[in-house]
Amino acid sequence: YTTVEAGRAVVYAGTRFDGVLRSSDEGATWTRLDAGLTGDARRIRELVTYNGDLYAGTHSGVYRLPAGAVVWEQVTAFPDQGIVYSLWAGENELYAGTTSSLYMSTDGSAWNRVLNAPSTVYYDLAGSGPLLVLGTENGLWVGAGETWERPAVDGAPYTAPVYALANTPRAPRTIYAGTAGDWVLRSDDEGRTFTSVG
C-alpha cells in the first residue's frame, strides 16, 4: 500500500507472518512496523488509510495505527475477530470484508453489518464512485447501501470465486477482476457489467 506523507511516497507492505513493513525511500530500505501486532494479527491481508489512520485487515480482526503512532491497536468493537480479508476506504466510510460478512464504519471504531450483502467470503473490495464492487467466494456483487446485485459477465451472472479487484484514481469506473478460472474480467461502467479480457 502506498501513501504520501510529508510530501514523500511511503510504501507499506503487509506480510504473511511478520506484520507490516514500511519504506520511505521507494523500497530501498524497510523497517518493521509491527509493535502491537501479536499472534494471528501478524498475518496481514489488507492495508488502507482512513481519516489519517492506517488500518490493517488481519487474521485476528481489524487493527489501527493512529497517525503519528508506532504501536498498532486492535479495533475491539469490530464484530468479527477472525480473518478480515479485505478493506476499502471511501471518503466517508470504511468497509471490511470477512469470511462471512461485510461491515461498514464511518469513524473506524463503531461497525455495522451491511444489510442485504451476501453471506460469503469477501476476498476484495473496490469502489467506483457511488458503487462498491465485491469480489467474493460466490462471484461478483455490486451495489450500495442495502441494495446488492450480481453484475452480468458476458451476459450472465458470475458465481465463481473472484480473488482480486483493481481500479485507479484516474479511471475509477474501469474495474478489473481476477478470477480463479476465467483469467481477468473488465468493467467500464462502475462494475454493473463485466466482459472477459483474456
N, C-alpha and C. Protein backbone atom coordinates (compact mmCIF):
# COMPACT_ATOMS: atom_id res chain seq x y z
N TYR A 1 0.84 -1.17 0.00
CA TYR A 1 0.00 0.00 0.00
C TYR A 1 0.89 1.23 0.00
N THR A 2 0.59 2.21 -0.86
CA THR A 2 1.39 3.43 -0.97
C THR A 2 0.56 4.64 -0.59
N THR A 3 1.16 5.54 0.18
CA THR A 3 0.51 6.78 0.56
C THR A 3 1.56 7.90 0.52
N VAL A 4 1.12 9.13 0.67
CA VAL A 4 2.04 10.27 0.68
C VAL A 4 2.04 10.85 2.08
N GLU A 5 3.24 10.96 2.66
CA GLU A 5 3.40 11.53 3.99
C GLU A 5 4.49 12.59 3.93
N ALA A 6 4.16 13.79 4.38
CA ALA A 6 5.11 14.91 4.37
C ALA A 6 5.69 15.12 2.97
N GLY A 7 4.86 14.94 1.95
CA GLY A 7 5.28 15.18 0.58
C GLY A 7 6.07 14.06 -0.06
N ARG A 8 6.28 12.95 0.66
CA ARG A 8 7.04 11.82 0.12
C ARG A 8 6.18 10.57 0.04
N ALA A 9 6.45 9.76 -0.96
CA ALA A 9 5.75 8.49 -1.09
C ALA A 9 6.27 7.52 -0.03
N VAL A 10 5.35 6.91 0.70
CA VAL A 10 5.69 5.93 1.71
C VAL A 10 4.96 4.63 1.36
N VAL A 11 5.71 3.53 1.35
CA VAL A 11 5.16 2.24 0.98
C VAL A 11 5.03 1.37 2.22
N TYR A 12 3.86 0.77 2.40
CA TYR A 12 3.62 -0.18 3.47
C TYR A 12 3.38 -1.55 2.85
N ALA A 13 4.00 -2.58 3.41
CA ALA A 13 3.83 -3.93 2.91
C ALA A 13 3.32 -4.82 4.04
N GLY A 14 2.17 -5.43 3.81
CA GLY A 14 1.65 -6.41 4.75
C GLY A 14 2.27 -7.76 4.44
N THR A 15 2.72 -8.47 5.45
CA THR A 15 3.39 -9.74 5.24
C THR A 15 2.50 -10.91 5.68
N ARG A 16 2.93 -12.09 5.32
CA ARG A 16 2.15 -13.28 5.64
C ARG A 16 2.25 -13.65 7.13
N PHE A 17 3.43 -13.43 7.75
CA PHE A 17 3.60 -13.80 9.15
C PHE A 17 4.33 -12.75 9.99
N ASP A 18 4.85 -11.69 9.37
CA ASP A 18 5.72 -10.75 10.08
C ASP A 18 5.16 -9.34 10.21
N GLY A 19 3.85 -9.19 10.20
CA GLY A 19 3.26 -7.88 10.40
C GLY A 19 3.41 -6.96 9.21
N VAL A 20 3.77 -5.70 9.48
CA VAL A 20 3.83 -4.65 8.46
C VAL A 20 5.26 -4.12 8.35
N LEU A 21 5.69 -3.88 7.12
CA LEU A 21 6.98 -3.23 6.85
C LEU A 21 6.71 -1.87 6.23
N ARG A 22 7.62 -0.91 6.47
CA ARG A 22 7.45 0.46 5.97
C ARG A 22 8.73 0.92 5.28
N SER A 23 8.57 1.57 4.12
CA SER A 23 9.71 2.16 3.41
C SER A 23 9.37 3.60 3.03
N SER A 24 10.27 4.50 3.36
CA SER A 24 10.07 5.91 2.98
C SER A 24 11.07 6.34 1.91
N ASP A 25 11.78 5.37 1.31
CA ASP A 25 12.76 5.69 0.26
C ASP A 25 12.54 4.83 -0.99
N GLU A 26 11.27 4.71 -1.38
CA GLU A 26 10.88 3.98 -2.60
C GLU A 26 11.29 2.51 -2.57
N GLY A 27 11.33 1.92 -1.38
CA GLY A 27 11.61 0.50 -1.27
C GLY A 27 13.07 0.12 -1.14
N ALA A 28 13.97 1.10 -1.06
CA ALA A 28 15.40 0.79 -0.93
C ALA A 28 15.69 0.17 0.44
N THR A 29 15.06 0.70 1.50
CA THR A 29 15.22 0.15 2.84
C THR A 29 13.84 0.02 3.49
N TRP A 30 13.75 -0.93 4.41
CA TRP A 30 12.48 -1.22 5.08
C TRP A 30 12.69 -1.29 6.59
N THR A 31 11.68 -0.85 7.34
CA THR A 31 11.69 -1.00 8.79
C THR A 31 10.41 -1.73 9.20
N ARG A 32 10.52 -2.49 10.29
CA ARG A 32 9.36 -3.18 10.83
C ARG A 32 8.43 -2.17 11.51
N LEU A 33 7.17 -2.34 11.28
CA LEU A 33 6.15 -1.51 11.92
C LEU A 33 5.11 -2.48 12.48
N ASP A 34 5.54 -3.27 13.47
CA ASP A 34 4.69 -4.36 13.92
C ASP A 34 4.41 -4.36 15.42
N ALA A 35 4.81 -3.31 16.14
CA ALA A 35 4.52 -3.26 17.57
C ALA A 35 3.00 -3.26 17.78
N GLY A 36 2.56 -4.13 18.65
CA GLY A 36 1.12 -4.26 18.92
C GLY A 36 0.46 -5.38 18.14
N LEU A 37 1.13 -5.88 17.12
CA LEU A 37 0.59 -6.99 16.33
C LEU A 37 1.16 -8.29 16.90
N THR A 38 0.31 -9.13 17.46
CA THR A 38 0.76 -10.38 18.03
C THR A 38 -0.07 -11.54 17.48
N GLY A 39 0.51 -12.72 17.53
CA GLY A 39 -0.22 -13.92 17.09
C GLY A 39 -0.70 -13.79 15.65
N ASP A 40 -1.96 -14.16 15.42
CA ASP A 40 -2.52 -14.11 14.06
C ASP A 40 -2.69 -12.70 13.52
N ALA A 41 -2.58 -11.69 14.36
CA ALA A 41 -2.65 -10.30 13.88
C ALA A 41 -1.42 -9.94 13.05
N ARG A 42 -0.37 -10.74 13.12
CA ARG A 42 0.83 -10.50 12.31
C ARG A 42 0.63 -10.97 10.87
N ARG A 43 -0.48 -11.66 10.60
CA ARG A 43 -0.80 -12.13 9.25
C ARG A 43 -1.71 -11.07 8.61
N ILE A 44 -1.14 -10.27 7.73
CA ILE A 44 -1.82 -9.11 7.17
C ILE A 44 -2.46 -9.46 5.83
N ARG A 45 -3.73 -9.11 5.67
CA ARG A 45 -4.45 -9.33 4.41
C ARG A 45 -4.59 -8.06 3.58
N GLU A 46 -4.79 -6.91 4.24
CA GLU A 46 -5.06 -5.66 3.50
C GLU A 46 -4.67 -4.47 4.37
N LEU A 47 -4.20 -3.40 3.72
CA LEU A 47 -3.87 -2.14 4.39
C LEU A 47 -4.56 -0.99 3.66
N VAL A 48 -5.17 -0.07 4.42
CA VAL A 48 -5.75 1.15 3.85
C VAL A 48 -5.59 2.29 4.85
N THR A 49 -5.67 3.52 4.36
CA THR A 49 -5.73 4.67 5.26
C THR A 49 -7.14 5.23 5.23
N TYR A 50 -7.57 5.70 6.41
CA TYR A 50 -8.89 6.31 6.54
C TYR A 50 -8.81 7.36 7.64
N ASN A 51 -9.20 8.57 7.33
CA ASN A 51 -9.14 9.69 8.27
C ASN A 51 -7.76 9.84 8.90
N GLY A 52 -6.71 9.60 8.11
CA GLY A 52 -5.34 9.79 8.57
C GLY A 52 -4.72 8.61 9.29
N ASP A 53 -5.54 7.61 9.65
CA ASP A 53 -5.03 6.42 10.34
C ASP A 53 -4.82 5.29 9.34
N LEU A 54 -3.89 4.39 9.66
CA LEU A 54 -3.65 3.22 8.83
C LEU A 54 -4.39 2.04 9.45
N TYR A 55 -5.14 1.30 8.63
CA TYR A 55 -5.90 0.14 9.10
C TYR A 55 -5.35 -1.12 8.45
N ALA A 56 -5.37 -2.20 9.21
CA ALA A 56 -4.91 -3.50 8.71
C ALA A 56 -6.01 -4.53 8.92
N GLY A 57 -6.33 -5.26 7.85
CA GLY A 57 -7.17 -6.44 7.97
C GLY A 57 -6.25 -7.60 8.23
N THR A 58 -6.46 -8.31 9.35
CA THR A 58 -5.54 -9.37 9.77
C THR A 58 -6.30 -10.69 9.94
N HIS A 59 -5.58 -11.71 10.35
CA HIS A 59 -6.20 -12.99 10.68
C HIS A 59 -6.78 -12.96 12.09
N SER A 60 -6.77 -11.78 12.71
CA SER A 60 -7.32 -11.61 14.05
C SER A 60 -8.08 -10.29 14.15
N GLY A 61 -8.92 -10.00 13.16
CA GLY A 61 -9.72 -8.78 13.17
C GLY A 61 -9.05 -7.59 12.53
N VAL A 62 -9.55 -6.40 12.89
CA VAL A 62 -9.06 -5.14 12.33
C VAL A 62 -8.16 -4.46 13.36
N TYR A 63 -7.03 -3.94 12.86
CA TYR A 63 -6.11 -3.18 13.70
C TYR A 63 -5.94 -1.79 13.09
N ARG A 64 -5.63 -0.82 13.98
CA ARG A 64 -5.46 0.58 13.55
C ARG A 64 -4.14 1.11 14.09
N LEU A 65 -3.45 1.86 13.22
CA LEU A 65 -2.25 2.58 13.62
C LEU A 65 -2.59 4.06 13.51
N PRO A 66 -2.88 4.73 14.64
CA PRO A 66 -3.24 6.14 14.58
C PRO A 66 -2.12 6.98 13.98
N ALA A 67 -2.48 8.07 13.34
CA ALA A 67 -1.49 8.96 12.72
C ALA A 67 -0.45 9.36 13.76
N GLY A 68 0.83 9.22 13.40
CA GLY A 68 1.92 9.60 14.29
C GLY A 68 2.30 8.54 15.32
N ALA A 69 1.51 7.47 15.44
CA ALA A 69 1.80 6.43 16.42
C ALA A 69 2.73 5.38 15.83
N VAL A 70 3.32 4.55 16.69
CA VAL A 70 4.18 3.47 16.25
C VAL A 70 3.70 2.12 16.77
N VAL A 71 2.58 2.10 17.51
CA VAL A 71 2.05 0.86 18.06
C VAL A 71 0.63 0.66 17.55
N TRP A 72 0.38 -0.50 16.93
CA TRP A 72 -0.95 -0.85 16.43
C TRP A 72 -1.87 -1.14 17.61
N GLU A 73 -3.16 -0.81 17.42
CA GLU A 73 -4.17 -1.13 18.43
C GLU A 73 -5.30 -1.91 17.75
N GLN A 74 -5.80 -2.91 18.45
CA GLN A 74 -6.92 -3.68 17.91
C GLN A 74 -8.19 -2.86 17.99
N VAL A 75 -8.99 -2.90 16.93
CA VAL A 75 -10.30 -2.25 16.93
C VAL A 75 -11.24 -3.25 17.59
N THR A 76 -11.37 -3.14 18.90
CA THR A 76 -12.08 -4.16 19.69
C THR A 76 -13.58 -4.17 19.42
N ALA A 77 -14.14 -3.07 18.91
CA ALA A 77 -15.57 -3.05 18.63
C ALA A 77 -15.91 -3.71 17.29
N PHE A 78 -14.90 -4.11 16.52
CA PHE A 78 -15.19 -4.78 15.27
C PHE A 78 -15.84 -6.13 15.60
N PRO A 79 -16.98 -6.46 14.96
CA PRO A 79 -17.78 -7.62 15.36
C PRO A 79 -17.17 -8.99 15.10
N ASP A 80 -16.13 -9.10 14.30
CA ASP A 80 -15.59 -10.40 13.93
C ASP A 80 -14.08 -10.39 14.14
N GLN A 81 -13.59 -11.12 15.11
CA GLN A 81 -12.15 -11.13 15.40
C GLN A 81 -11.43 -12.25 14.65
N GLY A 82 -12.05 -12.77 13.58
CA GLY A 82 -11.43 -13.76 12.72
C GLY A 82 -10.71 -13.07 11.57
N ILE A 83 -10.65 -13.75 10.42
CA ILE A 83 -9.93 -13.22 9.26
C ILE A 83 -10.70 -12.08 8.61
N VAL A 84 -10.02 -10.96 8.42
CA VAL A 84 -10.55 -9.83 7.66
C VAL A 84 -9.75 -9.81 6.36
N TYR A 85 -10.36 -10.33 5.30
CA TYR A 85 -9.68 -10.45 4.01
C TYR A 85 -9.51 -9.10 3.31
N SER A 86 -10.49 -8.22 3.44
CA SER A 86 -10.49 -7.03 2.60
C SER A 86 -10.92 -5.78 3.35
N LEU A 87 -10.32 -4.66 2.97
CA LEU A 87 -10.68 -3.34 3.47
C LEU A 87 -10.79 -2.40 2.28
N TRP A 88 -11.69 -1.44 2.37
CA TRP A 88 -11.78 -0.40 1.35
C TRP A 88 -12.23 0.88 2.02
N ALA A 89 -11.53 1.98 1.73
CA ALA A 89 -11.84 3.27 2.33
C ALA A 89 -12.36 4.23 1.28
N GLY A 90 -13.56 4.76 1.52
CA GLY A 90 -14.11 5.82 0.70
C GLY A 90 -13.91 7.15 1.41
N GLU A 91 -14.58 8.19 0.94
CA GLU A 91 -14.45 9.50 1.58
C GLU A 91 -15.07 9.53 2.97
N ASN A 92 -16.22 8.87 3.12
CA ASN A 92 -16.96 8.95 4.37
C ASN A 92 -17.26 7.61 5.01
N GLU A 93 -16.66 6.53 4.49
CA GLU A 93 -16.94 5.22 5.07
C GLU A 93 -15.76 4.29 4.83
N LEU A 94 -15.65 3.33 5.76
CA LEU A 94 -14.63 2.31 5.71
C LEU A 94 -15.34 0.96 5.72
N TYR A 95 -15.01 0.09 4.77
CA TYR A 95 -15.64 -1.23 4.68
C TYR A 95 -14.62 -2.31 5.01
N ALA A 96 -15.12 -3.39 5.60
CA ALA A 96 -14.28 -4.55 5.91
C ALA A 96 -15.05 -5.81 5.54
N GLY A 97 -14.39 -6.72 4.80
CA GLY A 97 -14.99 -7.99 4.41
C GLY A 97 -14.32 -9.14 5.14
N THR A 98 -15.13 -10.02 5.71
CA THR A 98 -14.62 -11.15 6.49
C THR A 98 -14.92 -12.46 5.77
N THR A 99 -14.87 -13.54 6.51
CA THR A 99 -15.16 -14.86 5.95
C THR A 99 -16.65 -15.08 5.75
N SER A 100 -17.50 -14.15 6.23
CA SER A 100 -18.94 -14.36 6.08
C SER A 100 -19.75 -13.08 5.92
N SER A 101 -19.18 -11.91 6.23
CA SER A 101 -19.98 -10.69 6.25
C SER A 101 -19.20 -9.48 5.76
N LEU A 102 -19.97 -8.45 5.40
CA LEU A 102 -19.43 -7.15 5.02
C LEU A 102 -19.86 -6.15 6.09
N TYR A 103 -18.88 -5.36 6.60
CA TYR A 103 -19.16 -4.38 7.64
C TYR A 103 -18.77 -2.99 7.16
N MET A 104 -19.41 -1.97 7.76
CA MET A 104 -19.13 -0.58 7.39
C MET A 104 -19.02 0.27 8.65
N SER A 105 -18.13 1.26 8.59
CA SER A 105 -17.94 2.21 9.68
C SER A 105 -17.74 3.60 9.11
N THR A 106 -18.21 4.60 9.83
CA THR A 106 -17.94 5.99 9.43
C THR A 106 -16.81 6.60 10.24
N ASP A 107 -16.46 5.98 11.38
CA ASP A 107 -15.40 6.54 12.22
C ASP A 107 -14.25 5.58 12.48
N GLY A 108 -14.32 4.35 11.95
CA GLY A 108 -13.27 3.37 12.16
C GLY A 108 -13.35 2.64 13.49
N SER A 109 -14.29 3.04 14.35
CA SER A 109 -14.43 2.41 15.66
C SER A 109 -15.73 1.62 15.79
N ALA A 110 -16.85 2.25 15.46
CA ALA A 110 -18.16 1.59 15.52
C ALA A 110 -18.47 0.98 14.15
N TRP A 111 -18.88 -0.28 14.15
CA TRP A 111 -19.10 -1.01 12.90
C TRP A 111 -20.50 -1.61 12.87
N ASN A 112 -21.09 -1.66 11.67
CA ASN A 112 -22.38 -2.30 11.46
C ASN A 112 -22.29 -3.23 10.27
N ARG A 113 -23.00 -4.36 10.37
CA ARG A 113 -23.08 -5.28 9.24
C ARG A 113 -23.88 -4.60 8.14
N VAL A 114 -23.43 -4.72 6.89
CA VAL A 114 -24.13 -4.14 5.75
C VAL A 114 -25.31 -5.04 5.42
N LEU A 115 -26.50 -4.47 5.54
CA LEU A 115 -27.72 -5.24 5.31
C LEU A 115 -27.84 -5.66 3.85
N ASN A 116 -28.36 -6.86 3.65
CA ASN A 116 -28.62 -7.44 2.33
C ASN A 116 -27.37 -7.80 1.55
N ALA A 117 -26.18 -7.56 2.11
CA ALA A 117 -24.96 -8.01 1.44
C ALA A 117 -24.90 -9.53 1.58
N PRO A 118 -24.36 -10.22 0.58
CA PRO A 118 -24.37 -11.69 0.64
C PRO A 118 -23.53 -12.23 1.79
N SER A 119 -23.90 -13.41 2.28
CA SER A 119 -23.13 -14.09 3.30
C SER A 119 -22.12 -15.00 2.60
N THR A 120 -20.88 -14.54 2.53
CA THR A 120 -19.84 -15.24 1.79
C THR A 120 -18.48 -14.71 2.22
N VAL A 121 -17.41 -15.27 1.67
CA VAL A 121 -16.06 -14.77 1.92
C VAL A 121 -15.81 -13.57 0.99
N TYR A 122 -15.35 -12.46 1.58
CA TYR A 122 -15.08 -11.23 0.83
C TYR A 122 -13.59 -11.10 0.58
N TYR A 123 -13.14 -11.57 -0.59
CA TYR A 123 -11.71 -11.54 -0.89
C TYR A 123 -11.19 -10.14 -1.20
N ASP A 124 -11.99 -9.31 -1.87
CA ASP A 124 -11.52 -7.98 -2.21
C ASP A 124 -12.69 -7.05 -2.45
N LEU A 125 -12.44 -5.74 -2.30
CA LEU A 125 -13.45 -4.70 -2.49
C LEU A 125 -12.85 -3.61 -3.35
N ALA A 126 -13.68 -2.98 -4.18
CA ALA A 126 -13.23 -1.83 -4.99
C ALA A 126 -14.36 -0.84 -5.11
N GLY A 127 -14.05 0.42 -4.93
CA GLY A 127 -15.04 1.48 -5.09
C GLY A 127 -14.93 2.09 -6.46
N SER A 128 -16.09 2.46 -7.00
CA SER A 128 -16.11 3.04 -8.35
C SER A 128 -17.00 4.27 -8.37
N GLY A 129 -16.81 5.15 -7.42
CA GLY A 129 -17.71 6.30 -7.32
C GLY A 129 -18.84 5.95 -6.38
N PRO A 130 -20.07 5.94 -6.88
CA PRO A 130 -21.20 5.67 -5.97
C PRO A 130 -21.38 4.20 -5.62
N LEU A 131 -20.71 3.29 -6.32
CA LEU A 131 -20.92 1.86 -6.12
C LEU A 131 -19.70 1.19 -5.50
N LEU A 132 -19.96 0.07 -4.82
CA LEU A 132 -18.91 -0.76 -4.28
C LEU A 132 -19.01 -2.11 -4.98
N VAL A 133 -17.88 -2.60 -5.48
CA VAL A 133 -17.83 -3.91 -6.14
C VAL A 133 -17.20 -4.89 -5.16
N LEU A 134 -17.81 -6.07 -5.04
CA LEU A 134 -17.39 -7.09 -4.10
C LEU A 134 -16.85 -8.29 -4.86
N GLY A 135 -15.62 -8.70 -4.58
CA GLY A 135 -15.06 -9.93 -5.11
C GLY A 135 -15.16 -10.99 -4.03
N THR A 136 -15.98 -12.02 -4.25
CA THR A 136 -16.29 -12.98 -3.19
C THR A 136 -16.06 -14.42 -3.63
N GLU A 137 -16.23 -15.32 -2.69
CA GLU A 137 -16.17 -16.75 -2.96
C GLU A 137 -17.28 -17.16 -3.91
N ASN A 138 -18.38 -16.40 -3.91
CA ASN A 138 -19.54 -16.70 -4.75
C ASN A 138 -19.70 -15.73 -5.90
N GLY A 139 -18.60 -15.20 -6.41
CA GLY A 139 -18.65 -14.34 -7.58
C GLY A 139 -18.62 -12.86 -7.28
N LEU A 140 -19.12 -12.09 -8.24
CA LEU A 140 -19.14 -10.64 -8.16
C LEU A 140 -20.48 -10.13 -7.66
N TRP A 141 -20.40 -9.03 -6.91
CA TRP A 141 -21.60 -8.30 -6.47
C TRP A 141 -21.30 -6.82 -6.63
N VAL A 142 -22.33 -6.03 -6.85
CA VAL A 142 -22.16 -4.58 -6.96
C VAL A 142 -23.37 -3.92 -6.30
N GLY A 143 -23.13 -2.77 -5.68
CA GLY A 143 -24.25 -2.07 -5.06
C GLY A 143 -23.80 -0.98 -4.13
N ALA A 144 -24.76 -0.55 -3.30
CA ALA A 144 -24.53 0.48 -2.29
C ALA A 144 -25.66 0.40 -1.28
N GLY A 145 -25.38 0.85 -0.07
CA GLY A 145 -26.42 0.83 0.95
C GLY A 145 -26.92 -0.58 1.20
N GLU A 146 -28.24 -0.79 1.03
CA GLU A 146 -28.84 -2.10 1.26
C GLU A 146 -29.20 -2.82 -0.04
N THR A 147 -28.75 -2.28 -1.18
CA THR A 147 -29.10 -2.85 -2.48
C THR A 147 -27.87 -3.45 -3.14
N TRP A 148 -27.89 -4.79 -3.32
CA TRP A 148 -26.77 -5.52 -3.91
C TRP A 148 -27.29 -6.48 -4.96
N GLU A 149 -26.57 -6.57 -6.08
CA GLU A 149 -26.97 -7.49 -7.15
C GLU A 149 -25.73 -8.03 -7.84
N ARG A 150 -25.94 -9.12 -8.56
CA ARG A 150 -24.85 -9.71 -9.32
C ARG A 150 -24.73 -9.00 -10.67
N PRO A 151 -23.55 -8.48 -11.00
CA PRO A 151 -23.38 -7.91 -12.34
C PRO A 151 -23.29 -9.02 -13.38
N ALA A 152 -23.69 -8.71 -14.58
CA ALA A 152 -23.57 -9.68 -15.67
C ALA A 152 -22.13 -9.72 -16.16
N VAL A 153 -21.65 -10.94 -16.43
CA VAL A 153 -20.33 -11.14 -17.03
C VAL A 153 -20.57 -11.85 -18.35
N ASP A 154 -20.23 -11.17 -19.45
CA ASP A 154 -20.52 -11.69 -20.79
C ASP A 154 -21.99 -12.09 -20.90
N GLY A 155 -22.85 -11.31 -20.24
CA GLY A 155 -24.29 -11.51 -20.36
C GLY A 155 -24.95 -12.41 -19.34
N ALA A 156 -24.18 -13.01 -18.42
CA ALA A 156 -24.76 -13.92 -17.43
C ALA A 156 -24.18 -13.63 -16.04
N PRO A 157 -24.94 -13.93 -14.97
CA PRO A 157 -24.40 -13.74 -13.62
C PRO A 157 -23.14 -14.59 -13.42
N TYR A 158 -22.19 -14.06 -12.65
CA TYR A 158 -20.91 -14.74 -12.43
C TYR A 158 -20.86 -15.23 -10.99
N THR A 159 -20.72 -16.54 -10.78
CA THR A 159 -20.76 -17.10 -9.44
C THR A 159 -19.48 -17.81 -9.02
N ALA A 160 -18.43 -17.79 -9.84
CA ALA A 160 -17.16 -18.41 -9.47
C ALA A 160 -16.35 -17.44 -8.60
N PRO A 161 -15.39 -17.94 -7.82
CA PRO A 161 -14.61 -17.06 -6.94
C PRO A 161 -13.89 -15.94 -7.69
N VAL A 162 -13.87 -14.75 -7.06
CA VAL A 162 -13.13 -13.59 -7.55
C VAL A 162 -12.19 -13.19 -6.43
N TYR A 163 -10.88 -13.30 -6.70
CA TYR A 163 -9.88 -13.10 -5.65
C TYR A 163 -9.30 -11.69 -5.57
N ALA A 164 -9.38 -10.92 -6.64
CA ALA A 164 -8.78 -9.59 -6.63
C ALA A 164 -9.56 -8.63 -7.50
N LEU A 165 -9.64 -7.38 -7.04
CA LEU A 165 -10.27 -6.29 -7.80
C LEU A 165 -9.30 -5.12 -7.84
N ALA A 166 -9.31 -4.37 -8.94
CA ALA A 166 -8.42 -3.21 -9.04
C ALA A 166 -8.99 -2.17 -9.97
N ASN A 167 -8.79 -0.91 -9.60
CA ASN A 167 -9.03 0.23 -10.47
C ASN A 167 -8.04 1.31 -10.06
N THR A 168 -8.08 2.45 -10.73
CA THR A 168 -7.14 3.52 -10.41
C THR A 168 -7.90 4.82 -10.18
N PRO A 169 -7.31 5.75 -9.43
CA PRO A 169 -7.97 7.04 -9.23
C PRO A 169 -8.25 7.78 -10.55
N ARG A 170 -7.42 7.56 -11.57
CA ARG A 170 -7.63 8.23 -12.86
C ARG A 170 -8.76 7.62 -13.66
N ALA A 171 -9.06 6.35 -13.40
CA ALA A 171 -10.13 5.66 -14.13
C ALA A 171 -10.93 4.78 -13.17
N PRO A 172 -11.63 5.40 -12.19
CA PRO A 172 -12.32 4.60 -11.18
C PRO A 172 -13.49 3.79 -11.73
N ARG A 173 -14.04 4.19 -12.87
CA ARG A 173 -15.17 3.45 -13.45
C ARG A 173 -14.73 2.13 -14.08
N THR A 174 -13.45 2.01 -14.42
CA THR A 174 -12.93 0.78 -15.02
C THR A 174 -12.37 -0.11 -13.91
N ILE A 175 -12.95 -1.29 -13.78
CA ILE A 175 -12.57 -2.21 -12.72
C ILE A 175 -12.16 -3.54 -13.34
N TYR A 176 -11.05 -4.07 -12.86
CA TYR A 176 -10.57 -5.38 -13.28
C TYR A 176 -10.79 -6.38 -12.15
N ALA A 177 -11.20 -7.58 -12.51
CA ALA A 177 -11.44 -8.64 -11.54
C ALA A 177 -10.58 -9.84 -11.89
N GLY A 178 -9.82 -10.32 -10.92
CA GLY A 178 -9.00 -11.52 -11.10
C GLY A 178 -9.76 -12.73 -10.59
N THR A 179 -9.93 -13.72 -11.44
CA THR A 179 -10.75 -14.89 -11.10
C THR A 179 -9.89 -16.15 -10.98
N ALA A 180 -10.52 -17.22 -10.55
CA ALA A 180 -9.82 -18.50 -10.40
C ALA A 180 -9.66 -19.20 -11.73
N GLY A 181 -10.69 -19.17 -12.59
CA GLY A 181 -10.63 -19.95 -13.81
C GLY A 181 -10.88 -19.20 -15.10
N ASP A 182 -11.29 -17.94 -15.01
CA ASP A 182 -11.63 -17.18 -16.21
C ASP A 182 -10.70 -16.00 -16.44
N TRP A 183 -9.52 -16.09 -15.88
CA TRP A 183 -8.48 -15.09 -16.05
C TRP A 183 -8.92 -13.75 -15.52
N VAL A 184 -9.03 -12.74 -16.39
CA VAL A 184 -9.36 -11.38 -15.94
C VAL A 184 -10.66 -10.92 -16.58
N LEU A 185 -11.48 -10.24 -15.78
CA LEU A 185 -12.72 -9.64 -16.26
C LEU A 185 -12.57 -8.12 -16.16
N ARG A 186 -13.28 -7.39 -17.05
CA ARG A 186 -13.17 -5.93 -17.06
C ARG A 186 -14.55 -5.31 -17.11
N SER A 187 -14.72 -4.24 -16.31
CA SER A 187 -15.95 -3.45 -16.34
C SER A 187 -15.59 -2.00 -16.65
N ASP A 188 -16.36 -1.38 -17.53
CA ASP A 188 -16.18 0.04 -17.83
C ASP A 188 -17.36 0.88 -17.37
N ASP A 189 -18.26 0.28 -16.57
CA ASP A 189 -19.45 1.01 -16.12
C ASP A 189 -19.64 0.86 -14.60
N GLU A 190 -18.55 1.04 -13.85
CA GLU A 190 -18.56 1.04 -12.38
C GLU A 190 -18.93 -0.31 -11.79
N GLY A 191 -18.72 -1.39 -12.53
CA GLY A 191 -18.99 -2.71 -12.02
C GLY A 191 -20.37 -3.25 -12.29
N ARG A 192 -21.15 -2.54 -13.08
CA ARG A 192 -22.51 -3.01 -13.40
C ARG A 192 -22.50 -4.19 -14.35
N THR A 193 -21.55 -4.20 -15.30
CA THR A 193 -21.38 -5.33 -16.21
C THR A 193 -19.89 -5.56 -16.43
N PHE A 194 -19.52 -6.80 -16.71
CA PHE A 194 -18.14 -7.17 -16.97
C PHE A 194 -18.05 -7.97 -18.26
N THR A 195 -16.86 -7.95 -18.86
CA THR A 195 -16.57 -8.79 -20.03
C THR A 195 -15.26 -9.51 -19.79
N SER A 196 -15.08 -10.64 -20.42
CA SER A 196 -13.82 -11.38 -20.33
C SER A 196 -12.73 -10.64 -21.10
N VAL A 197 -11.53 -10.58 -20.50
CA VAL A 197 -10.41 -9.90 -21.16
C VAL A 197 -9.54 -10.89 -21.91
N GLY A 198 -9.30 -12.06 -21.32
CA GLY A 198 -8.37 -12.95 -21.97
C GLY A 198 -8.75 -14.37 -21.95
